[in-house]
Amino acid sequence: MDTTDATLITLCWELHKEGVSKSRIAQRLGKHRGAIHLWMKGMQESGLLTFLDGGPEFKAELSDNGVLFYQRHRVARPYRKDEQSFIESFNRTVRKECLGWEKYRVTELQVCQGMAEAFLQRYHYYRPHMGLGMAPPQEGNCLSDIYGE
């Protein structure tokens, strides 16, 4: 999964949480309604972060339904900077700016999910992007809206 798909899936999840219908989400993201349905099903069953990880629980469904939406599927080797540079860069950013390098216990899952959701909100809407001349996507918004400062 490349960075564009991960971003679209995250936006899909956020729009769904806001109550936007699946067909409207498909229209706004420029994706087939069937793809949105599969994304939502996977996210509702396992959660957003597990779905984005693309673990083994999704491989059978991907091979069964994926041919409807693409012609060729290539599996990249995990944790290889030369093959998955975008996601490895994103993972490094999450570790550096959000979770840190410590190990968390299973009992801290809710806390980590809260931190990750706040980070994704900041990352997608408030963090400066190089493609926009180091401006945040939504000018005029401030970080205090997210962090309550």
N, C-alpha and C. Protein backbone atom coordinates (compact mmCIF):
# COMPACT_ATOMS: atom_id res chain seq x y z
N MET A 1 0.85 -1.17 0.00
CA MET A 1 0.00 0.00 0.00
C MET A 1 0.90 1.23 0.00
N ASP A 2 0.65 2.14 -0.91
CA ASP A 2 1.48 3.35 -0.95
C ASP A 2 0.88 4.43 -0.07
N THR A 3 1.61 5.53 0.06
CA THR A 3 1.19 6.61 0.94
C THR A 3 -0.14 7.20 0.50
N THR A 4 -0.38 7.29 -0.79
CA THR A 4 -1.64 7.85 -1.29
C THR A 4 -2.82 7.02 -0.82
N ASP A 5 -2.73 5.69 -0.97
CA ASP A 5 -3.81 4.83 -0.52
C ASP A 5 -4.00 4.91 0.98
N ALA A 6 -2.91 4.93 1.74
CA ALA A 6 -3.02 5.04 3.19
C ALA A 6 -3.71 6.35 3.59
N THR A 7 -3.38 7.43 2.89
CA THR A 7 -4.02 8.71 3.18
C THR A 7 -5.50 8.66 2.82
N LEU A 8 -5.83 8.08 1.66
CA LEU A 8 -7.24 7.97 1.26
C LEU A 8 -8.03 7.10 2.23
N ILE A 9 -7.43 6.01 2.69
CA ILE A 9 -8.11 5.14 3.65
C ILE A 9 -8.34 5.88 4.96
N THR A 10 -7.35 6.63 5.41
CA THR A 10 -7.51 7.41 6.64
C THR A 10 -8.59 8.47 6.47
N LEU A 11 -8.61 9.16 5.34
CA LEU A 11 -9.67 10.14 5.08
C LEU A 11 -11.03 9.47 5.00
N CYS A 12 -11.08 8.29 4.40
CA CYS A 12 -12.33 7.52 4.33
C CYS A 12 -12.86 7.25 5.73
N TRP A 13 -11.97 6.82 6.61
CA TRP A 13 -12.36 6.52 7.99
C TRP A 13 -12.87 7.77 8.70
N GLU A 14 -12.17 8.91 8.52
CA GLU A 14 -12.57 10.15 9.16
C GLU A 14 -13.93 10.64 8.63
N LEU A 15 -14.14 10.53 7.32
CA LEU A 15 -15.42 10.94 6.75
C LEU A 15 -16.56 10.04 7.25
N HIS A 16 -16.26 8.74 7.36
CA HIS A 16 -17.28 7.81 7.87
C HIS A 16 -17.64 8.14 9.32
N LYS A 17 -16.65 8.51 10.14
CA LYS A 17 -16.91 8.87 11.53
C LYS A 17 -17.75 10.14 11.61
N GLU A 18 -17.65 11.00 10.58
CA GLU A 18 -18.45 12.22 10.54
C GLU A 18 -19.87 11.97 10.03
N GLY A 19 -20.16 10.73 9.61
CA GLY A 19 -21.50 10.38 9.18
C GLY A 19 -21.74 10.50 7.68
N VAL A 20 -20.69 10.66 6.89
CA VAL A 20 -20.81 10.75 5.44
C VAL A 20 -21.08 9.35 4.88
N SER A 21 -22.00 9.23 3.94
CA SER A 21 -22.35 7.92 3.38
C SER A 21 -21.20 7.36 2.54
N LYS A 22 -21.20 6.03 2.38
CA LYS A 22 -20.12 5.37 1.64
C LYS A 22 -20.09 5.80 0.18
N SER A 23 -21.26 5.97 -0.44
CA SER A 23 -21.26 6.39 -1.85
C SER A 23 -20.75 7.83 -1.99
N ARG A 24 -21.05 8.67 -1.02
CA ARG A 24 -20.54 10.05 -1.04
C ARG A 24 -19.02 10.06 -0.82
N ILE A 25 -18.54 9.19 0.08
CA ILE A 25 -17.10 9.07 0.31
C ILE A 25 -16.42 8.64 -0.98
N ALA A 26 -16.98 7.64 -1.65
CA ALA A 26 -16.40 7.15 -2.91
C ALA A 26 -16.33 8.27 -3.94
N GLN A 27 -17.38 9.06 -4.02
CA GLN A 27 -17.41 10.16 -4.96
C GLN A 27 -16.35 11.20 -4.62
N ARG A 28 -16.23 11.55 -3.34
CA ARG A 28 -15.27 12.58 -2.93
C ARG A 28 -13.82 12.14 -3.07
N LEU A 29 -13.56 10.84 -2.87
CA LEU A 29 -12.18 10.35 -2.95
C LEU A 29 -11.83 9.83 -4.33
N GLY A 30 -12.81 9.76 -5.23
CA GLY A 30 -12.55 9.30 -6.58
C GLY A 30 -12.26 7.81 -6.67
N LYS A 31 -12.88 7.03 -5.79
CA LYS A 31 -12.69 5.59 -5.75
C LYS A 31 -14.01 4.89 -6.04
N HIS A 32 -13.92 3.61 -6.42
CA HIS A 32 -15.11 2.82 -6.67
C HIS A 32 -15.83 2.55 -5.34
N ARG A 33 -17.14 2.55 -5.38
CA ARG A 33 -17.93 2.33 -4.16
C ARG A 33 -17.62 0.98 -3.52
N GLY A 34 -17.32 -0.03 -4.35
CA GLY A 34 -16.96 -1.36 -3.83
C GLY A 34 -15.67 -1.33 -3.03
N ALA A 35 -14.70 -0.52 -3.48
CA ALA A 35 -13.44 -0.39 -2.75
C ALA A 35 -13.69 0.26 -1.39
N ILE A 36 -14.52 1.28 -1.36
CA ILE A 36 -14.84 1.95 -0.09
C ILE A 36 -15.53 0.97 0.85
N HIS A 37 -16.44 0.16 0.30
CA HIS A 37 -17.13 -0.84 1.12
C HIS A 37 -16.13 -1.82 1.74
N LEU A 38 -15.17 -2.30 0.95
CA LEU A 38 -14.16 -3.23 1.47
C LEU A 38 -13.29 -2.56 2.53
N TRP A 39 -12.90 -1.31 2.27
CA TRP A 39 -12.10 -0.59 3.26
C TRP A 39 -12.85 -0.46 4.58
N MET A 40 -14.12 -0.01 4.49
CA MET A 40 -14.91 0.20 5.71
C MET A 40 -15.11 -1.11 6.46
N LYS A 41 -15.37 -2.18 5.73
CA LYS A 41 -15.57 -3.49 6.38
C LYS A 41 -14.31 -3.89 7.14
N GLY A 42 -13.15 -3.75 6.50
CA GLY A 42 -11.89 -4.10 7.16
C GLY A 42 -11.60 -3.22 8.36
N MET A 43 -11.87 -1.92 8.24
CA MET A 43 -11.60 -1.00 9.34
C MET A 43 -12.55 -1.24 10.51
N GLN A 44 -13.82 -1.55 10.22
CA GLN A 44 -14.77 -1.79 11.29
C GLN A 44 -14.48 -3.10 12.02
N GLU A 45 -13.98 -4.10 11.30
CA GLU A 45 -13.69 -5.39 11.92
C GLU A 45 -12.42 -5.36 12.75
N SER A 46 -11.41 -4.59 12.30
CA SER A 46 -10.12 -4.69 12.97
C SER A 46 -9.56 -3.36 13.48
N GLY A 47 -10.17 -2.25 13.14
CA GLY A 47 -9.62 -0.95 13.54
C GLY A 47 -8.75 -0.37 12.43
N LEU A 48 -8.60 0.92 12.44
CA LEU A 48 -7.88 1.61 11.37
C LEU A 48 -6.41 1.21 11.30
N LEU A 49 -5.72 1.23 12.42
CA LEU A 49 -4.28 0.98 12.39
C LEU A 49 -3.96 -0.46 11.97
N THR A 50 -4.75 -1.43 12.43
CA THR A 50 -4.53 -2.81 12.02
C THR A 50 -4.82 -2.97 10.54
N PHE A 51 -5.86 -2.30 10.04
CA PHE A 51 -6.21 -2.38 8.63
C PHE A 51 -5.10 -1.81 7.76
N LEU A 52 -4.54 -0.68 8.16
CA LEU A 52 -3.47 -0.07 7.38
C LEU A 52 -2.20 -0.91 7.39
N ASP A 53 -2.02 -1.69 8.44
CA ASP A 53 -0.85 -2.56 8.51
C ASP A 53 -0.90 -3.64 7.45
N GLY A 54 -2.11 -4.05 7.02
CA GLY A 54 -2.24 -5.05 5.96
C GLY A 54 -1.78 -6.43 6.38
N GLY A 55 -2.09 -6.81 7.61
CA GLY A 55 -1.67 -8.09 8.14
C GLY A 55 -2.29 -9.27 7.41
N PRO A 56 -1.95 -10.49 7.84
CA PRO A 56 -2.37 -11.71 7.14
C PRO A 56 -3.88 -11.92 7.11
N GLU A 57 -4.59 -11.30 8.03
CA GLU A 57 -6.05 -11.49 8.05
C GLU A 57 -6.74 -10.89 6.84
N PHE A 58 -6.04 -10.07 6.05
CA PHE A 58 -6.65 -9.44 4.88
C PHE A 58 -6.20 -10.05 3.56
N LYS A 59 -5.24 -10.95 3.58
CA LYS A 59 -4.68 -11.46 2.34
C LYS A 59 -5.68 -12.25 1.51
N ALA A 60 -6.50 -13.10 2.15
CA ALA A 60 -7.48 -13.90 1.40
C ALA A 60 -8.52 -12.99 0.75
N GLU A 61 -9.03 -12.04 1.50
CA GLU A 61 -10.04 -11.14 0.95
C GLU A 61 -9.46 -10.26 -0.15
N LEU A 62 -8.21 -9.85 0.01
CA LEU A 62 -7.56 -9.06 -1.02
C LEU A 62 -7.44 -9.84 -2.32
N SER A 63 -6.99 -11.09 -2.22
CA SER A 63 -6.83 -11.88 -3.45
C SER A 63 -8.18 -12.21 -4.09
N ASP A 64 -9.23 -12.37 -3.29
CA ASP A 64 -10.55 -12.67 -3.83
C ASP A 64 -11.20 -11.46 -4.50
N ASN A 65 -11.12 -10.31 -3.85
CA ASN A 65 -11.85 -9.13 -4.31
C ASN A 65 -10.98 -8.11 -5.03
N GLY A 66 -9.68 -8.19 -4.85
CA GLY A 66 -8.79 -7.20 -5.42
C GLY A 66 -8.80 -7.14 -6.93
N VAL A 67 -8.99 -8.27 -7.59
CA VAL A 67 -8.95 -8.29 -9.05
C VAL A 67 -10.06 -7.44 -9.66
N LEU A 68 -11.04 -7.08 -8.87
CA LEU A 68 -12.11 -6.22 -9.36
C LEU A 68 -11.63 -4.78 -9.54
N PHE A 69 -10.55 -4.39 -8.85
CA PHE A 69 -10.15 -2.99 -8.80
C PHE A 69 -8.77 -2.71 -9.39
N TYR A 70 -7.98 -3.74 -9.68
CA TYR A 70 -6.67 -3.51 -10.27
C TYR A 70 -6.29 -4.70 -11.14
N GLN A 71 -5.31 -4.49 -12.00
CA GLN A 71 -4.90 -5.54 -12.94
C GLN A 71 -3.77 -6.41 -12.39
N ARG A 72 -2.88 -5.82 -11.64
CA ARG A 72 -1.71 -6.56 -11.16
C ARG A 72 -1.43 -6.18 -9.72
N HIS A 73 -1.08 -7.17 -8.92
CA HIS A 73 -0.76 -6.92 -7.52
C HIS A 73 0.67 -7.38 -7.24
N ARG A 74 1.49 -6.47 -6.77
CA ARG A 74 2.87 -6.79 -6.44
C ARG A 74 3.06 -6.65 -4.94
N VAL A 75 3.63 -7.65 -4.32
CA VAL A 75 3.88 -7.62 -2.88
C VAL A 75 5.33 -7.22 -2.65
N ALA A 76 5.51 -6.14 -1.93
CA ALA A 76 6.86 -5.67 -1.60
C ALA A 76 7.33 -6.35 -0.32
N ARG A 77 8.62 -6.52 -0.22
CA ARG A 77 9.19 -7.11 0.98
C ARG A 77 9.06 -6.12 2.13
N PRO A 78 8.65 -6.56 3.31
CA PRO A 78 8.46 -5.63 4.43
C PRO A 78 9.78 -5.10 4.98
N TYR A 79 9.70 -3.90 5.52
CA TYR A 79 10.82 -3.24 6.20
C TYR A 79 12.03 -3.00 5.29
N ARG A 80 11.79 -2.81 4.03
CA ARG A 80 12.87 -2.53 3.09
C ARG A 80 12.74 -1.08 2.65
N LYS A 81 13.74 -0.27 2.96
CA LYS A 81 13.70 1.15 2.61
C LYS A 81 13.59 1.36 1.11
N ASP A 82 14.22 0.49 0.32
CA ASP A 82 14.21 0.69 -1.12
C ASP A 82 12.89 0.26 -1.77
N GLU A 83 12.05 -0.51 -1.07
CA GLU A 83 10.79 -0.95 -1.66
C GLU A 83 9.57 -0.27 -1.03
N GLN A 84 9.68 0.10 0.22
CA GLN A 84 8.54 0.71 0.90
C GLN A 84 8.96 2.01 1.56
N SER A 85 9.57 2.87 0.79
CA SER A 85 10.15 4.08 1.36
C SER A 85 9.10 5.01 1.96
N PHE A 86 7.93 5.12 1.34
CA PHE A 86 6.92 6.03 1.86
C PHE A 86 6.40 5.58 3.21
N ILE A 87 6.04 4.31 3.33
CA ILE A 87 5.48 3.85 4.60
C ILE A 87 6.56 3.78 5.68
N GLU A 88 7.79 3.44 5.31
CA GLU A 88 8.87 3.42 6.30
C GLU A 88 9.14 4.84 6.79
N SER A 89 9.06 5.83 5.90
CA SER A 89 9.22 7.22 6.30
C SER A 89 8.09 7.64 7.23
N PHE A 90 6.87 7.25 6.90
CA PHE A 90 5.72 7.57 7.74
C PHE A 90 5.86 6.90 9.11
N ASN A 91 6.25 5.62 9.12
CA ASN A 91 6.42 4.91 10.39
C ASN A 91 7.47 5.60 11.26
N ARG A 92 8.56 6.05 10.64
CA ARG A 92 9.59 6.76 11.38
C ARG A 92 9.03 8.07 11.96
N THR A 93 8.22 8.77 11.18
CA THR A 93 7.61 10.01 11.64
C THR A 93 6.67 9.76 12.80
N VAL A 94 5.87 8.70 12.72
CA VAL A 94 4.96 8.37 13.83
C VAL A 94 5.77 8.08 15.08
N ARG A 95 6.83 7.30 14.95
CA ARG A 95 7.66 6.98 16.12
C ARG A 95 8.31 8.24 16.69
N LYS A 96 8.83 9.07 15.82
CA LYS A 96 9.58 10.25 16.25
C LYS A 96 8.67 11.31 16.87
N GLU A 97 7.50 11.57 16.25
CA GLU A 97 6.66 12.68 16.67
C GLU A 97 5.48 12.28 17.55
N CYS A 98 5.20 10.99 17.63
CA CYS A 98 3.99 10.59 18.35
C CYS A 98 4.27 9.59 19.47
N LEU A 99 4.68 8.41 19.12
CA LEU A 99 4.78 7.33 20.10
C LEU A 99 6.13 7.23 20.80
N GLY A 100 7.16 7.76 20.19
CA GLY A 100 8.49 7.60 20.76
C GLY A 100 9.01 6.19 20.50
N TRP A 101 10.14 5.87 21.07
CA TRP A 101 10.79 4.59 20.78
C TRP A 101 10.59 3.57 21.89
N GLU A 102 9.78 3.89 22.89
CA GLU A 102 9.58 2.93 23.97
C GLU A 102 8.57 1.86 23.56
N LYS A 103 8.58 0.76 24.29
CA LYS A 103 7.63 -0.32 24.02
C LYS A 103 6.42 -0.13 24.93
N TYR A 104 5.25 -0.39 24.40
CA TYR A 104 4.02 -0.22 25.15
C TYR A 104 3.43 -1.57 25.51
N ARG A 105 2.72 -1.61 26.60
CA ARG A 105 2.04 -2.83 27.03
C ARG A 105 0.66 -2.89 26.39
N VAL A 106 0.11 -4.09 26.33
CA VAL A 106 -1.23 -4.27 25.75
C VAL A 106 -2.26 -3.46 26.53
N THR A 107 -2.06 -3.30 27.81
CA THR A 107 -3.01 -2.54 28.63
C THR A 107 -3.01 -1.06 28.28
N GLU A 108 -1.99 -0.59 27.57
CA GLU A 108 -1.89 0.82 27.18
C GLU A 108 -2.42 1.07 25.77
N LEU A 109 -3.10 0.09 25.20
CA LEU A 109 -3.58 0.20 23.82
C LEU A 109 -4.49 1.39 23.61
N GLN A 110 -5.43 1.62 24.51
CA GLN A 110 -6.36 2.75 24.36
C GLN A 110 -5.61 4.08 24.35
N VAL A 111 -4.61 4.21 25.22
CA VAL A 111 -3.82 5.44 25.28
C VAL A 111 -3.07 5.64 23.97
N CYS A 112 -2.46 4.56 23.46
CA CYS A 112 -1.70 4.64 22.21
C CYS A 112 -2.62 4.98 21.04
N GLN A 113 -3.81 4.40 20.99
CA GLN A 113 -4.75 4.71 19.91
C GLN A 113 -5.17 6.17 19.96
N GLY A 114 -5.39 6.69 21.15
CA GLY A 114 -5.72 8.11 21.28
C GLY A 114 -4.60 9.01 20.80
N MET A 115 -3.36 8.66 21.18
CA MET A 115 -2.21 9.44 20.72
C MET A 115 -2.08 9.35 19.20
N ALA A 116 -2.29 8.16 18.63
CA ALA A 116 -2.15 7.98 17.18
C ALA A 116 -3.24 8.75 16.43
N GLU A 117 -4.47 8.74 16.94
CA GLU A 117 -5.55 9.47 16.27
C GLU A 117 -5.30 10.97 16.31
N ALA A 118 -4.82 11.48 17.44
CA ALA A 118 -4.49 12.91 17.53
C ALA A 118 -3.35 13.26 16.58
N PHE A 119 -2.36 12.36 16.50
CA PHE A 119 -1.24 12.59 15.59
C PHE A 119 -1.72 12.60 14.13
N LEU A 120 -2.57 11.64 13.74
CA LEU A 120 -3.06 11.59 12.36
C LEU A 120 -3.86 12.85 12.01
N GLN A 121 -4.63 13.34 12.96
CA GLN A 121 -5.38 14.58 12.74
C GLN A 121 -4.40 15.73 12.47
N ARG A 122 -3.37 15.82 13.30
CA ARG A 122 -2.36 16.86 13.12
C ARG A 122 -1.60 16.64 11.81
N TYR A 123 -1.23 15.43 11.53
CA TYR A 123 -0.42 15.11 10.35
C TYR A 123 -1.15 15.47 9.06
N HIS A 124 -2.45 15.17 9.00
CA HIS A 124 -3.21 15.40 7.76
C HIS A 124 -3.69 16.83 7.59
N TYR A 125 -3.92 17.55 8.68
CA TYR A 125 -4.56 18.85 8.54
C TYR A 125 -3.73 20.03 9.03
N TYR A 126 -2.78 19.85 9.92
CA TYR A 126 -2.11 20.99 10.53
C TYR A 126 -0.60 21.01 10.33
N ARG A 127 0.01 19.88 10.11
CA ARG A 127 1.46 19.78 9.99
C ARG A 127 1.90 20.38 8.66
N PRO A 128 2.96 21.20 8.64
CA PRO A 128 3.43 21.78 7.38
C PRO A 128 3.86 20.70 6.38
N HIS A 129 3.50 20.89 5.12
CA HIS A 129 3.83 19.94 4.06
C HIS A 129 4.77 20.60 3.06
N MET A 130 5.81 19.86 2.66
CA MET A 130 6.77 20.41 1.70
C MET A 130 6.11 20.73 0.37
N GLY A 131 5.13 19.93 -0.05
CA GLY A 131 4.45 20.16 -1.33
C GLY A 131 3.64 21.44 -1.35
N LEU A 132 3.36 21.99 -0.17
CA LEU A 132 2.59 23.23 -0.08
C LEU A 132 3.48 24.40 0.36
N GLY A 133 4.78 24.28 0.14
CA GLY A 133 5.69 25.35 0.55
C GLY A 133 5.78 25.49 2.06
N MET A 134 5.77 24.37 2.76
CA MET A 134 5.84 24.29 4.22
C MET A 134 4.67 24.98 4.90
N ALA A 135 3.54 25.01 4.22
CA ALA A 135 2.31 25.54 4.82
C ALA A 135 1.41 24.36 5.18
N PRO A 136 0.62 24.49 6.24
CA PRO A 136 -0.32 23.42 6.57
C PRO A 136 -1.47 23.39 5.57
N PRO A 137 -2.09 22.23 5.36
CA PRO A 137 -3.18 22.14 4.39
C PRO A 137 -4.34 23.07 4.70
N GLN A 138 -4.63 23.30 5.97
CA GLN A 138 -5.73 24.18 6.33
C GLN A 138 -5.17 25.42 7.00
N GLU A 139 -4.90 26.45 6.21
CA GLU A 139 -4.39 27.70 6.76
C GLU A 139 -5.43 28.31 7.70
N GLY A 140 -4.96 28.93 8.73
CA GLY A 140 -5.86 29.58 9.67
C GLY A 140 -6.21 28.72 10.86
N ASN A 141 -5.94 27.44 10.81
CA ASN A 141 -6.19 26.56 11.94
C ASN A 141 -4.94 26.51 12.80
N CYS A 142 -5.13 26.24 14.08
CA CYS A 142 -3.97 26.18 14.96
C CYS A 142 -3.96 24.86 15.72
N LEU A 143 -2.81 24.51 16.21
CA LEU A 143 -2.64 23.24 16.92
C LEU A 143 -3.40 23.21 18.24
N SER A 144 -3.72 24.37 18.78
CA SER A 144 -4.42 24.39 20.06
C SER A 144 -5.81 23.73 19.94
N ASP A 145 -6.37 23.70 18.73
CA ASP A 145 -7.65 23.02 18.54
C ASP A 145 -7.54 21.53 18.84
N ILE A 146 -6.39 20.94 18.51
CA ILE A 146 -6.20 19.51 18.72
C ILE A 146 -5.73 19.21 20.13
N TYR A 147 -4.71 19.92 20.56
CA TYR A 147 -4.07 19.59 21.83
C TYR A 147 -4.66 20.34 23.02
N GLY A 148 -5.61 21.22 22.78
CA GLY A 148 -6.29 21.92 23.86
C GLY A 148 -5.39 22.90 24.62
N GLU A 149 -4.40 23.45 23.95
CA GLU A 149 -3.49 24.39 24.60
C GLU A 149 -4.05 25.80 24.52
